[in-house]
Protein backbone atom coordinates (compact mmCIF):
# COMPACT_ATOMS: atom_id res chain seq x y z
CA MET A 1 10.28 30.12 -50.78
CA GLN A 2 7.59 27.87 -52.13
CA THR A 3 4.05 28.04 -50.90
CA ILE A 4 1.95 25.01 -50.12
CA GLN A 5 -0.02 25.45 -53.31
CA ASP A 6 3.16 25.46 -55.40
CA GLN A 7 4.24 22.23 -53.73
CA GLU A 8 0.86 20.61 -54.43
CA VAL A 9 1.12 21.58 -58.10
CA GLN A 10 4.60 20.05 -58.31
CA ASN A 11 3.39 16.87 -56.60
CA SER A 12 0.46 16.56 -58.99
CA GLU A 13 2.81 16.96 -61.94
CA HIS A 14 4.81 13.98 -60.71
CA LEU A 15 1.65 11.89 -60.60
CA ASP A 16 0.77 12.20 -64.23
CA LEU A 17 -1.11 8.92 -64.33
CA PRO A 18 -4.10 8.34 -66.50
CA ILE A 19 -7.42 8.53 -64.75
CA ASP A 20 -8.02 4.79 -65.08
CA GLU A 21 -4.80 3.96 -63.27
CA LYS A 22 -5.59 6.48 -60.54
CA GLU A 23 -8.99 4.91 -60.02
CA ILE A 24 -7.50 1.44 -59.93
CA LEU A 25 -4.94 2.57 -57.36
CA LEU A 26 -7.67 4.20 -55.29
CA GLU A 27 -9.81 1.08 -55.42
CA GLU A 28 -6.87 -1.09 -54.33
CA TYR A 29 -6.10 1.33 -51.56
CA ASP A 30 -9.74 1.26 -50.38
CA LYS A 31 -9.78 -2.53 -50.51
CA GLU A 32 -6.60 -2.69 -48.45
CA GLN A 33 -7.97 -0.23 -45.92
CA SER A 34 -11.30 -2.00 -45.60
CA ARG A 35 -9.76 -5.45 -45.29
CA VAL A 36 -10.11 -6.92 -41.82
CA LYS A 37 -6.73 -7.65 -40.33
CA ASN A 38 -6.75 -10.61 -37.95
CA ILE A 39 -3.85 -11.82 -35.95
CA THR A 40 -2.48 -15.24 -36.67
CA PHE A 41 -2.27 -18.14 -34.24
CA LYS A 42 1.48 -17.63 -33.87
CA GLU A 43 1.01 -13.97 -32.99
CA LEU A 44 -1.67 -14.88 -30.47
CA LEU A 45 0.55 -17.55 -28.95
CA PHE A 46 3.43 -15.09 -28.79
CA LEU A 47 1.22 -12.53 -27.01
CA TYR A 48 0.06 -15.11 -24.45
CA LEU A 49 3.63 -16.19 -23.86
CA LEU A 50 4.69 -12.57 -23.42
CA ILE A 51 1.89 -11.97 -20.92
CA VAL A 52 2.85 -15.08 -18.94
CA ILE A 53 6.50 -14.01 -18.84
CA ILE A 54 5.61 -10.51 -17.69
CA LEU A 55 3.25 -11.85 -15.02
CA SER A 56 5.84 -14.36 -13.83
CA ILE A 57 8.21 -11.45 -13.24
CA VAL A 58 5.76 -8.91 -11.83
CA VAL A 59 3.67 -11.08 -9.48
CA PRO A 60 6.60 -12.32 -7.35
CA LYS A 61 7.97 -8.78 -7.17
CA ILE A 62 4.63 -7.50 -5.89
CA TYR A 63 4.39 -10.38 -3.41
CA PHE A 64 7.89 -9.81 -2.02
CA SER A 65 7.36 -6.06 -1.86
CA ASN A 66 4.20 -6.60 0.19
CA GLN A 67 5.96 -9.08 2.48
CA ILE A 68 8.84 -6.65 3.03
CA TYR A 69 6.36 -3.87 3.80
CA TYR A 70 4.46 -5.92 6.40
CA ILE A 71 7.65 -7.24 8.01
CA SER A 72 9.12 -3.74 8.25
CA LYS A 73 5.83 -2.55 9.75
CA GLU A 74 6.07 -5.31 12.36
CA ILE A 75 9.73 -4.47 13.05
CA ASN A 76 8.81 -0.81 13.50
CA SER A 77 6.07 -1.76 15.96
CA MET A 78 8.48 -3.97 17.92
CA TYR A 79 11.08 -1.19 17.96
CA HIS A 80 8.54 1.25 19.44
CA LYS A 81 7.68 -1.33 22.13
CA TYR A 82 11.40 -1.85 22.78
CA THR A 83 12.04 1.87 23.25
CA ALA A 84 9.00 2.20 25.54
CA LEU A 85 10.21 -0.75 27.65
CA LYS A 86 13.74 0.67 27.76
CA GLU A 87 12.42 4.03 28.99
CA GLU A 88 10.26 2.23 31.58
CA LYS A 89 13.33 0.26 32.72
CA ASP A 90 15.31 3.49 33.11
CA ALA A 91 12.46 5.07 35.09
CA LEU A 92 12.28 2.00 37.37
CA LEU A 93 16.05 2.06 37.90
CA ARG A 94 15.84 5.74 38.86
CA GLU A 95 12.98 4.91 41.24
CA ILE A 96 15.01 2.08 42.79
CA GLU A 97 17.98 4.41 43.25
CA ALA A 98 15.71 6.99 44.90
CA LEU A 99 14.28 4.34 47.24
CA LYS A 100 17.77 3.06 48.10
CA TYR A 101 18.88 6.62 48.84
CA ARG A 102 15.81 7.26 51.00
CA ILE A 103 16.34 3.99 52.89
CA ASN A 104 20.01 4.84 53.43
CA VAL A 105 19.12 8.31 54.68
CA GLN A 106 16.43 6.93 56.95
CA ASP A 107 18.86 4.30 58.30
CA GLU A 108 21.42 7.02 58.96
CA LEU A 109 18.82 9.16 60.68
CA SER A 110 17.52 6.26 62.74
CA ASN A 111 21.09 5.30 63.67
CA ASP A 112 21.79 8.89 64.68
CA ASN A 113 18.58 8.97 66.74
CA GLU A 114 19.51 5.68 68.42
CA GLU A 115 23.00 6.96 69.21
CA GLU A 116 21.57 10.17 70.66
CA SER A 117 19.11 8.24 72.76
CA ASP A 118 21.92 5.95 73.95
CA LEU A 119 24.00 8.99 74.83
CA ASP A 120 21.09 10.55 76.67
CA GLN A 121 20.70 7.51 78.89
């Protein structure tokens, strides 16, 4: 197994360049690294176009998602009102049935009382 130092020695043997050439290569490398890299007009235009396309897809999606959220919130509110009204209707129907029953019982009792009083006379 080769150590890191052995590998470095082998790599340096492959780069048997004269010192002048090494310096020239290093200078070119430094120049390339220090060079300011600007984007071209085409690249800038492409980036703006890409941003516009992405926004044209994302903004409507966000808008529709918000609209769906608020509509579903409104539907949920209406559904709660509907269930409350339905329960109130059922309670009123039960109350009406109780009143009808009480009236019927009272009518029966009053009829029985009238019949008894008629029989007594």
